[in-house]
Amino acid sequence: MATSASSPGRRSSPALWAGLLVAAAVAWVLLIRQSPGMPASMAGPWLVFGEFLLLWVVMMAAMMLPSVAPVASMYLTVLRNRRNGTAAAHAAALVAGYLLAWGGFGVAAFGISRALGKLTPMGMGTSTAPSRLAVWSAAIALVVAGAYQFTPLKARCLRHCRSPLGFLLHFGNYTGRLRDVRVGAYHGGYCVGCCWSLMLVLVAVGVMNMTWMAALTVVVFVEKVWRSGEAFGYAVGGALILTGLLLPWLPPMQTALLS
């Protein structure tokens, strides 16, 4: 009986992984197609708040959905005996709640991007050298992000993201149409707590900088999924701090990282 009961969860996992990876890939395609037409600054009057927030949510889907797959798979396994809908519907609602949490952080990202818009090159491939203020803004963001990697709050949020079974079991007993959305938003809140500083780096160096987006996507995924992810996060923190400290004094590094 145990084998039979667990088989639906095992069968759903490959399809779930494939679905989330495809969704992330589609988001990447949308961003890549959009980026050549983006202006050099994300903070100009041509970009209203709604457009920024939509772009931000697509970015979070591209960067974060691969790391959500293990949690979503575990959640469906917890629900397998209490489902009143399809696995796809539960997973979609979970992801919607997750992106809702990141959309909330996008409001703060919008404010930060407006504050830094005249200081930090937000586009890709800008030919002019970054201003001194832009360099220092990015350097501070890198040091802050690196230091946060070593904090107890980061460790707590990362442990939740790596092993969320306890809260999944708790929320699995909830009822109501918005249960899956609530679970996704709750998990997304922990993910924001885990990764907000990395997204701060993205805002500072350029929201549409595809190189930084790809690098941070790898960091987030490895940190959450790899069994040595916590140690990996410490290494990333040290690298970010070192990069931030060196950035103001090395023009070639400024050109490479901020252009």
C-alpha atoms as a PDB file:
ATOM      1  CA  MET A   1       0.000   0.000   0.000  1.00  0.00           C
ATOM      2  CA  ALA A   2       2.813   2.442   0.843  1.00  0.00           C
ATOM      3  CA  THR A   3       4.370   1.979  -2.564  1.00  0.00           C
ATOM      4  CA  SER A   4       1.066   2.515  -4.290  1.00  0.00           C
ATOM      5  CA  ALA A   5       0.298   5.617  -2.247  1.00  0.00           C
ATOM      6  CA  SER A   6       3.614   7.247  -3.001  1.00  0.00           C
ATOM      7  CA  SER A   7       3.625   6.552  -6.718  1.00  0.00           C
ATOM      8  CA  PRO A   8       1.369   9.493  -7.719  1.00  0.00           C
ATOM      9  CA  GLY A   9       3.789  11.928  -6.147  1.00  0.00           C
ATOM     10  CA  ARG A  10       6.693  10.280  -7.897  1.00  0.00           C
ATOM     11  CA  ARG A  11       4.871  10.352 -11.228  1.00  0.00           C
ATOM     12  CA  SER A  12       3.967  14.032 -10.868  1.00  0.00           C
ATOM     13  CA  SER A  13       7.487  15.191 -10.094  1.00  0.00           C
ATOM     14  CA  PRO A  14       8.994  14.868 -13.605  1.00  0.00           C
ATOM     15  CA  ALA A  15       5.975  16.596 -15.150  1.00  0.00           C
ATOM     16  CA  LEU A  16       6.104  19.315 -12.502  1.00  0.00           C
ATOM     17  CA  TRP A  17       9.821  19.916 -13.017  1.00  0.00           C
ATOM     18  CA  ALA A  18       9.310  20.005 -16.775  1.00  0.00           C
ATOM     19  CA  GLY A  19       6.398  22.426 -16.495  1.00  0.00           C
ATOM     20  CA  LEU A  20       8.233  24.862 -14.228  1.00  0.00           C
ATOM     21  CA  LEU A  21      11.400  24.699 -16.315  1.00  0.00           C
ATOM     22  CA  VAL A  22       9.398  25.364 -19.474  1.00  0.00           C
ATOM     23  CA  ALA A  23       7.669  28.315 -17.786  1.00  0.00           C
ATOM     24  CA  ALA A  24      11.049  29.678 -16.699  1.00  0.00           C
ATOM     25  CA  ALA A  25      12.413  29.213 -20.222  1.00  0.00           C
ATOM     26  CA  VAL A  26       9.464  31.100 -21.705  1.00  0.00           C
ATOM     27  CA  ALA A  27      10.080  33.929 -19.241  1.00  0.00           C
ATOM     28  CA  TRP A  28      13.748  34.028 -20.280  1.00  0.00           C
ATOM     29  CA  VAL A  29      12.746  34.217 -23.946  1.00  0.00           C
ATOM     30  CA  LEU A  30      10.400  37.113 -23.219  1.00  0.00           C
ATOM     31  CA  LEU A  31      13.135  38.962 -21.342  1.00  0.00           C
ATOM     32  CA  ILE A  32      15.759  38.359 -24.020  1.00  0.00           C
ATOM     33  CA  ARG A  33      13.373  39.574 -26.716  1.00  0.00           C
ATOM     34  CA  GLN A  34      12.497  42.636 -24.653  1.00  0.00           C
ATOM     35  CA  SER A  35      15.987  43.668 -23.589  1.00  0.00           C
ATOM     36  CA  PRO A  36      17.298  45.081 -26.910  1.00  0.00           C
ATOM     37  CA  GLY A  37      14.437  47.552 -26.949  1.00  0.00           C
ATOM     38  CA  MET A  38      14.792  48.663 -23.352  1.00  0.00           C
ATOM     39  CA  PRO A  39      16.127  52.137 -22.675  1.00  0.00           C
ATOM     40  CA  ALA A  40      19.413  52.558 -20.848  1.00  0.00           C
ATOM     41  CA  SER A  41      17.622  53.606 -17.659  1.00  0.00           C
ATOM     42  CA  MET A  42      14.701  51.806 -16.056  1.00  0.00           C
ATOM     43  CA  ALA A  43      13.712  54.930 -14.103  1.00  0.00           C
ATOM     44  CA  GLY A  44      12.631  57.237 -16.913  1.00  0.00           C
ATOM     45  CA  PRO A  45       9.101  58.613 -17.318  1.00  0.00           C
ATOM     46  CA  TRP A  46       8.372  56.164 -20.176  1.00  0.00           C
ATOM     47  CA  LEU A  47       8.160  53.281 -17.738  1.00  0.00           C
ATOM     48  CA  VAL A  48       5.137  53.407 -15.450  1.00  0.00           C
ATOM     49  CA  PHE A  49       4.855  51.432 -12.268  1.00  0.00           C
ATOM     50  CA  GLY A  50       2.623  48.731 -13.754  1.00  0.00           C
ATOM     51  CA  GLU A  51       5.039  48.018 -16.593  1.00  0.00           C
ATOM     52  CA  PHE A  52       7.952  47.774 -14.195  1.00  0.00           C
ATOM     53  CA  LEU A  53       6.056  45.420 -11.912  1.00  0.00           C
ATOM     54  CA  LEU A  54       5.041  43.187 -14.808  1.00  0.00           C
ATOM     55  CA  LEU A  55       8.631  43.059 -16.009  1.00  0.00           C
ATOM     56  CA  TRP A  56       9.796  42.297 -12.473  1.00  0.00           C
ATOM     57  CA  VAL A  57       7.386  39.365 -12.066  1.00  0.00           C
ATOM     58  CA  VAL A  58       8.510  37.919 -15.408  1.00  0.00           C
ATOM     59  CA  MET A  59      12.121  38.266 -14.234  1.00  0.00           C
ATOM     60  CA  MET A  60      11.334  36.479 -10.979  1.00  0.00           C
ATOM     61  CA  ALA A  61       9.599  33.695 -12.907  1.00  0.00           C
ATOM     62  CA  ALA A  62      12.686  33.282 -15.077  1.00  0.00           C
ATOM     63  CA  MET A  63      15.107  33.308 -12.166  1.00  0.00           C
ATOM     64  CA  MET A  64      13.183  31.586  -9.371  1.00  0.00           C
ATOM     65  CA  LEU A  65      10.869  28.951 -10.833  1.00  0.00           C
ATOM     66  CA  PRO A  66      13.588  26.288 -11.235  1.00  0.00           C
ATOM     67  CA  SER A  67      14.284  26.449  -7.493  1.00  0.00           C
ATOM     68  CA  VAL A  68      10.550  26.212  -6.680  1.00  0.00           C
ATOM     69  CA  ALA A  69      10.176  22.774  -8.281  1.00  0.00           C
ATOM     70  CA  PRO A  70      11.389  20.741  -5.266  1.00  0.00           C
ATOM     71  CA  VAL A  71       9.029  22.602  -2.912  1.00  0.00           C
ATOM     72  CA  ALA A  72       6.060  22.293  -5.275  1.00  0.00           C
ATOM     73  CA  SER A  73       6.733  18.584  -5.730  1.00  0.00           C
ATOM     74  CA  MET A  74       6.896  18.089  -1.960  1.00  0.00           C
ATOM     75  CA  TYR A  75       3.659  20.049  -1.517  1.00  0.00           C
ATOM     76  CA  LEU A  76       1.807  17.911  -4.039  1.00  0.00           C
ATOM     77  CA  THR A  77       3.033  14.823  -2.231  1.00  0.00           C
ATOM     78  CA  VAL A  78       1.680  16.187   1.064  1.00  0.00           C
ATOM     79  CA  LEU A  79      -1.688  16.892  -0.607  1.00  0.00           C
ATOM     80  CA  ARG A  80      -2.001  13.684  -2.584  1.00  0.00           C
ATOM     81  CA  ASN A  81      -4.682  12.228  -0.280  1.00  0.00           C
ATOM     82  CA  ARG A  82      -6.608  15.503   0.106  1.00  0.00           C
ATOM     83  CA  ARG A  83      -6.705  16.957  -3.384  1.00  0.00           C
ATOM     84  CA  ASN A  84      -9.979  18.389  -4.617  1.00  0.00           C
ATOM     85  CA  GLY A  85      -8.475  19.430  -7.935  1.00  0.00           C
ATOM     86  CA  THR A  86      -5.761  18.490 -10.384  1.00  0.00           C
ATOM     87  CA  ALA A  87      -2.090  18.536  -9.499  1.00  0.00           C
ATOM     88  CA  ALA A  88      -1.545  21.145 -12.210  1.00  0.00           C
ATOM     89  CA  ALA A  89      -4.139  23.466 -10.647  1.00  0.00           C
ATOM     90  CA  HIS A  90      -2.568  23.138  -7.189  1.00  0.00           C
ATOM     91  CA  ALA A  91       0.901  23.786  -8.609  1.00  0.00           C
ATOM     92  CA  ALA A  92      -0.281  26.792 -10.641  1.00  0.00           C
ATOM     93  CA  ALA A  93      -1.933  28.352  -7.577  1.00  0.00           C
ATOM     94  CA  LEU A  94       1.203  27.710  -5.513  1.00  0.00           C
ATOM     95  CA  VAL A  95       3.366  29.429  -8.123  1.00  0.00           C
ATOM     96  CA  ALA A  96       0.906  32.338  -8.341  1.00  0.00           C
ATOM     97  CA  GLY A  97       1.200  32.904  -4.613  1.00  0.00           C
ATOM     98  CA  TYR A  98       4.965  32.616  -4.814  1.00  0.00           C
ATOM     99  CA  LEU A  99       5.196  35.239  -7.553  1.00  0.00           C
ATOM    100  CA  LEU A 100       2.765  37.426  -5.609  1.00  0.00           C
ATOM    101  CA  ALA A 101       5.294  37.583  -2.778  1.00  0.00           C
ATOM    102  CA  TRP A 102       8.047  38.564  -5.195  1.00  0.00           C
ATOM    103  CA  GLY A 103       5.704  41.105  -6.768  1.00  0.00           C
ATOM    104  CA  GLY A 104       5.436  42.715  -3.342  1.00  0.00           C
ATOM    105  CA  PHE A 105       9.208  43.027  -3.232  1.00  0.00           C
ATOM    106  CA  GLY A 106       9.012  44.457  -6.743  1.00  0.00           C
ATOM    107  CA  VAL A 107       7.286  47.519  -5.275  1.00  0.00           C
ATOM    108  CA  ALA A 108      10.406  48.175  -3.209  1.00  0.00           C
ATOM    109  CA  ALA A 109      12.591  47.394  -6.225  1.00  0.00           C
ATOM    110  CA  PHE A 110      10.708  50.010  -8.215  1.00  0.00           C
ATOM    111  CA  GLY A 111      11.405  52.651  -5.581  1.00  0.00           C
ATOM    112  CA  ILE A 112      15.081  51.704  -5.427  1.00  0.00           C
ATOM    113  CA  SER A 113      15.414  51.690  -9.213  1.00  0.00           C
ATOM    114  CA  ARG A 114      13.896  55.156  -9.400  1.00  0.00           C
ATOM    115  CA  ALA A 115      16.331  56.397  -6.769  1.00  0.00           C
ATOM    116  CA  LEU A 116      19.282  54.867  -8.631  1.00  0.00           C
ATOM    117  CA  GLY A 117      18.018  55.338 -12.176  1.00  0.00           C
ATOM    118  CA  LYS A 118      20.117  58.420 -12.897  1.00  0.00           C
ATOM    119  CA  LEU A 119      23.107  56.878 -11.193  1.00  0.00           C
ATOM    120  CA  THR A 120      23.184  53.269 -12.363  1.00  0.00           C
ATOM    121  CA  PRO A 121      23.106  52.002 -15.944  1.00  0.00           C
ATOM    122  CA  MET A 122      20.046  49.767 -16.067  1.00  0.00           C
ATOM    123  CA  GLY A 123      20.257  48.550 -19.627  1.00  0.00           C
ATOM    124  CA  MET A 124      22.544  46.168 -21.439  1.00  0.00           C
ATOM    125  CA  GLY A 125      25.640  46.980 -23.383  1.00  0.00           C
ATOM    126  CA  THR A 126      25.802  50.686 -22.645  1.00  0.00           C
ATOM    127  CA  SER A 127      28.816  52.134 -24.386  1.00  0.00           C
ATOM    128  CA  THR A 128      29.532  54.917 -21.921  1.00  0.00           C
ATOM    129  CA  ALA A 129      31.558  54.253 -18.799  1.00  0.00           C
ATOM    130  CA  PRO A 130      29.498  54.110 -15.585  1.00  0.00           C
ATOM    131  CA  SER A 131      29.512  57.234 -13.467  1.00  0.00           C
ATOM    132  CA  ARG A 132      31.379  57.359 -10.191  1.00  0.00           C
ATOM    133  CA  LEU A 133      28.119  57.445  -8.258  1.00  0.00           C
ATOM    134  CA  ALA A 134      26.872  54.440 -10.205  1.00  0.00           C
ATOM    135  CA  VAL A 135      30.038  52.537  -9.336  1.00  0.00           C
ATOM    136  CA  TRP A 136      29.742  53.314  -5.650  1.00  0.00           C
ATOM    137  CA  SER A 137      26.035  52.393  -5.617  1.00  0.00           C
ATOM    138  CA  ALA A 138      26.838  49.007  -7.122  1.00  0.00           C
ATOM    139  CA  ALA A 139      29.794  48.517  -4.786  1.00  0.00           C
ATOM    140  CA  ILE A 140      27.658  49.191  -1.717  1.00  0.00           C
ATOM    141  CA  ALA A 141      24.950  46.813  -2.976  1.00  0.00           C
ATOM    142  CA  LEU A 142      27.535  44.080  -3.525  1.00  0.00           C
ATOM    143  CA  VAL A 143      29.016  44.485  -0.047  1.00  0.00           C
ATOM    144  CA  VAL A 144      25.566  44.532   1.577  1.00  0.00           C
ATOM    145  CA  ALA A 145      24.519  41.415  -0.338  1.00  0.00           C
ATOM    146  CA  GLY A 146      27.743  39.649   0.549  1.00  0.00           C
ATOM    147  CA  ALA A 147      27.475  40.519   4.234  1.00  0.00           C
ATOM    148  CA  TYR A 148      23.862  39.344   4.340  1.00  0.00           C
ATOM    149  CA  GLN A 149      24.970  35.878   3.225  1.00  0.00           C
ATOM    150  CA  PHE A 150      26.531  35.403   6.686  1.00  0.00           C
ATOM    151  CA  THR A 151      23.597  36.614   8.812  1.00  0.00           C
ATOM    152  CA  PRO A 152      21.344  34.407  10.984  1.00  0.00           C
ATOM    153  CA  LEU A 153      18.255  35.653   9.120  1.00  0.00           C
ATOM    154  CA  LYS A 154      19.704  34.510   5.819  1.00  0.00           C
ATOM    155  CA  ALA A 155      20.531  31.121   7.346  1.00  0.00           C
ATOM    156  CA  ARG A 156      17.023  30.727   8.755  1.00  0.00           C
ATOM    157  CA  CYS A 157      15.316  31.635   5.472  1.00  0.00           C
ATOM    158  CA  LEU A 158      17.661  29.389   3.501  1.00  0.00           C
ATOM    159  CA  ARG A 159      16.974  26.451   5.828  1.00  0.00           C
ATOM    160  CA  HIS A 160      13.272  26.932   5.235  1.00  0.00           C
ATOM    161  CA  CYS A 161      13.745  27.052   1.463  1.00  0.00           C
ATOM    162  CA  ARG A 162      15.886  23.922   1.568  1.00  0.00           C
ATOM    163  CA  SER A 163      13.659  21.945   3.976  1.00  0.00           C
ATOM    164  CA  PRO A 164      10.093  23.323   3.986  1.00  0.00           C
ATOM    165  CA  LEU A 165       8.375  20.056   4.929  1.00  0.00           C
ATOM    166  CA  GLY A 166       7.252  21.294   8.351  1.00  0.00           C
ATOM    167  CA  PHE A 167       5.345  24.298   7.056  1.00  0.00           C
ATOM    168  CA  LEU A 168       3.970  22.288   4.134  1.00  0.00           C
ATOM    169  CA  LEU A 169       2.510  19.746   6.536  1.00  0.00           C
ATOM    170  CA  HIS A 170       1.026  22.590   8.574  1.00  0.00           C
ATOM    171  CA  PHE A 171      -0.564  24.335   5.605  1.00  0.00           C
ATOM    172  CA  GLY A 172      -1.647  21.015   4.123  1.00  0.00           C
ATOM    173  CA  ASN A 173      -4.350  20.905   6.794  1.00  0.00           C
ATOM    174  CA  TYR A 174      -5.826  24.228   5.724  1.00  0.00           C
ATOM    175  CA  THR A 175      -8.920  24.388   3.563  1.00  0.00           C
ATOM    176  CA  GLY A 176     -10.345  26.949   1.185  1.00  0.00           C
ATOM    177  CA  ARG A 177      -9.879  27.952  -2.407  1.00  0.00           C
ATOM    178  CA  LEU A 178      -6.897  30.168  -1.657  1.00  0.00           C
ATOM    179  CA  ARG A 179      -4.974  27.588   0.355  1.00  0.00           C
ATOM    180  CA  ASP A 180      -2.461  26.894  -2.409  1.00  0.00           C
ATOM    181  CA  VAL A 181      -1.969  30.617  -3.050  1.00  0.00           C
ATOM    182  CA  ARG A 182      -1.383  31.180   0.661  1.00  0.00           C
ATOM    183  CA  VAL A 183       1.185  28.400   0.771  1.00  0.00           C
ATOM    184  CA  GLY A 184       2.972  29.866  -2.247  1.00  0.00           C
ATOM    185  CA  ALA A 185       2.943  33.373  -0.791  1.00  0.00           C
ATOM    186  CA  TYR A 186       4.191  32.108   2.577  1.00  0.00           C
ATOM    187  CA  HIS A 187       7.035  30.218   0.956  1.00  0.00           C
ATOM    188  CA  GLY A 188       7.711  33.175  -1.321  1.00  0.00           C
ATOM    189  CA  GLY A 189       8.067  35.394   1.738  1.00  0.00           C
ATOM    190  CA  TYR A 190      10.840  33.171   3.031  1.00  0.00           C
ATOM    191  CA  CYS A 191      12.411  33.176  -0.419  1.00  0.00           C
ATOM    192  CA  VAL A 192      12.352  36.979  -0.448  1.00  0.00           C
ATOM    193  CA  GLY A 193      14.000  36.906   2.968  1.00  0.00           C
ATOM    194  CA  CYS A 194      16.628  34.577   1.566  1.00  0.00           C
ATOM    195  CA  CYS A 195      17.352  36.358  -1.716  1.00  0.00           C
ATOM    196  CA  TRP A 196      16.365  40.026  -1.397  1.00  0.00           C
ATOM    197  CA  SER A 197      19.976  41.155  -1.175  1.00  0.00           C
ATOM    198  CA  LEU A 198      20.878  39.328  -4.385  1.00  0.00           C
ATOM    199  CA  MET A 199      17.995  41.076  -6.121  1.00  0.00           C
ATOM    200  CA  LEU A 200      19.281  44.356  -4.698  1.00  0.00           C
ATOM    201  CA  VAL A 201      22.508  43.675  -6.581  1.00  0.00           C
ATOM    202  CA  LEU A 202      20.500  43.118  -9.737  1.00  0.00           C
ATOM    203  CA  VAL A 203      18.746  46.462  -9.302  1.00  0.00           C
ATOM    204  CA  ALA A 204      22.049  48.232  -8.693  1.00  0.00           C
ATOM    205  CA  VAL A 205      24.036  46.742 -11.582  1.00  0.00           C
ATOM    206  CA  GLY A 206      21.191  46.783 -14.089  1.00  0.00           C
ATOM    207  CA  VAL A 207      17.744  45.187 -14.014  1.00  0.00           C
ATOM    208  CA  MET A 208      18.023  44.062 -17.629  1.00  0.00           C
ATOM    209  CA  ASN A 209      21.634  42.905 -17.346  1.00  0.00           C
ATOM    210  CA  MET A 210      21.251  39.347 -18.620  1.00  0.00           C
ATOM    211  CA  THR A 211      24.707  38.281 -17.476  1.00  0.00           C
ATOM    212  CA  TRP A 212      23.941  39.183 -13.868  1.00  0.00           C
ATOM    213  CA  MET A 213      20.485  37.646 -14.125  1.00  0.00           C
ATOM    214  CA  ALA A 214      21.932  34.337 -15.314  1.00  0.00           C
ATOM    215  CA  ALA A 215      24.655  34.339 -12.667  1.00  0.00           C
ATOM    216  CA  LEU A 216      22.234  35.100  -9.826  1.00  0.00           C
ATOM    217  CA  THR A 217      19.813  32.449 -11.105  1.00  0.00           C
ATOM    218  CA  VAL A 218      22.557  29.853 -10.793  1.00  0.00           C
ATOM    219  CA  VAL A 219      23.453  31.108  -7.308  1.00  0.00           C
ATOM    220  CA  VAL A 220      19.846  30.896  -6.102  1.00  0.00           C
ATOM    221  CA  PHE A 221      19.293  27.427  -7.557  1.00  0.00           C
ATOM    222  CA  VAL A 222      22.538  25.904  -6.294  1.00  0.00           C
ATOM    223  CA  GLU A 223      22.161  27.500  -2.874  1.00  0.00           C
ATOM    224  CA  LYS A 224      18.685  26.012  -2.397  1.00  0.00           C
ATOM    225  CA  VAL A 225      19.026  22.624  -4.065  1.00  0.00           C
ATOM    226  CA  TRP A 226      22.618  21.466  -3.562  1.00  0.00           C
ATOM    227  CA  ARG A 227      23.279  19.656  -0.292  1.00  0.00           C
ATOM    228  CA  SER A 228      26.257  21.958   0.324  1.00  0.00           C
ATOM    229  CA  GLY A 229      24.223  25.014  -0.622  1.00  0.00           C
ATOM    230  CA  GLU A 230      24.787  26.790   2.687  1.00  0.00           C
ATOM    231  CA  ALA A 231      28.573  26.573   2.349  1.00  0.00           C
ATOM    232  CA  PHE A 232      28.217  27.637  -1.275  1.00  0.00           C
ATOM    233  CA  GLY A 233      26.278  30.688  -0.092  1.00  0.00           C
ATOM    234  CA  TYR A 234      29.130  31.641   2.231  1.00  0.00           C
ATOM    235  CA  ALA A 235      31.560  31.428  -0.684  1.00  0.00           C
ATOM    236  CA  VAL A 236      29.270  33.615  -2.778  1.00  0.00           C
ATOM    237  CA  GLY A 237      29.074  36.098   0.090  1.00  0.00           C
ATOM    238  CA  GLY A 238      32.833  36.356   0.302  1.00  0.00           C
ATOM    239  CA  ALA A 239      33.088  36.833  -3.462  1.00  0.00           C
ATOM    240  CA  LEU A 240      30.444  39.569  -3.425  1.00  0.00           C
ATOM    241  CA  ILE A 241      32.165  41.454  -0.609  1.00  0.00           C
ATOM    242  CA  LEU A 242      35.543  41.224  -2.337  1.00  0.00           C
ATOM    243  CA  THR A 243      34.043  42.381  -5.636  1.00  0.00           C
ATOM    244  CA  GLY A 244      32.311  45.303  -3.944  1.00  0.00           C
ATOM    245  CA  LEU A 245      35.499  46.406  -2.200  1.00  0.00           C
ATOM    246  CA  LEU A 246      37.559  46.241  -5.392  1.00  0.00           C
ATOM    247  CA  LEU A 247      34.994  47.676  -7.798  1.00  0.00           C
ATOM    248  CA  PRO A 248      35.562  51.419  -7.104  1.00  0.00           C
ATOM    249  CA  TRP A 249      39.304  51.085  -7.739  1.00  0.00           C
ATOM    250  CA  LEU A 250      39.368  48.927 -10.883  1.00  0.00           C
ATOM    251  CA  PRO A 251      37.958  50.599 -14.021  1.00  0.00           C
ATOM    252  CA  PRO A 252      38.215  47.401 -16.122  1.00  0.00           C
ATOM    253  CA  MET A 253      36.043  45.626 -13.529  1.00  0.00           C
ATOM    254  CA  GLN A 254      33.554  48.501 -13.643  1.00  0.00           C
ATOM    255  CA  THR A 255      33.277  48.206 -17.404  1.00  0.00           C
ATOM    256  CA  ALA A 256      32.909  44.434 -17.267  1.00  0.00           C
ATOM    257  CA  LEU A 257      30.296  44.323 -14.494  1.00  0.00           C
ATOM    258  CA  LEU A 258      28.257  47.462 -15.045  1.00  0.00           C
ATOM    259  CA  SER A 259      28.045  47.715 -18.818  1.00  0.00           C
END
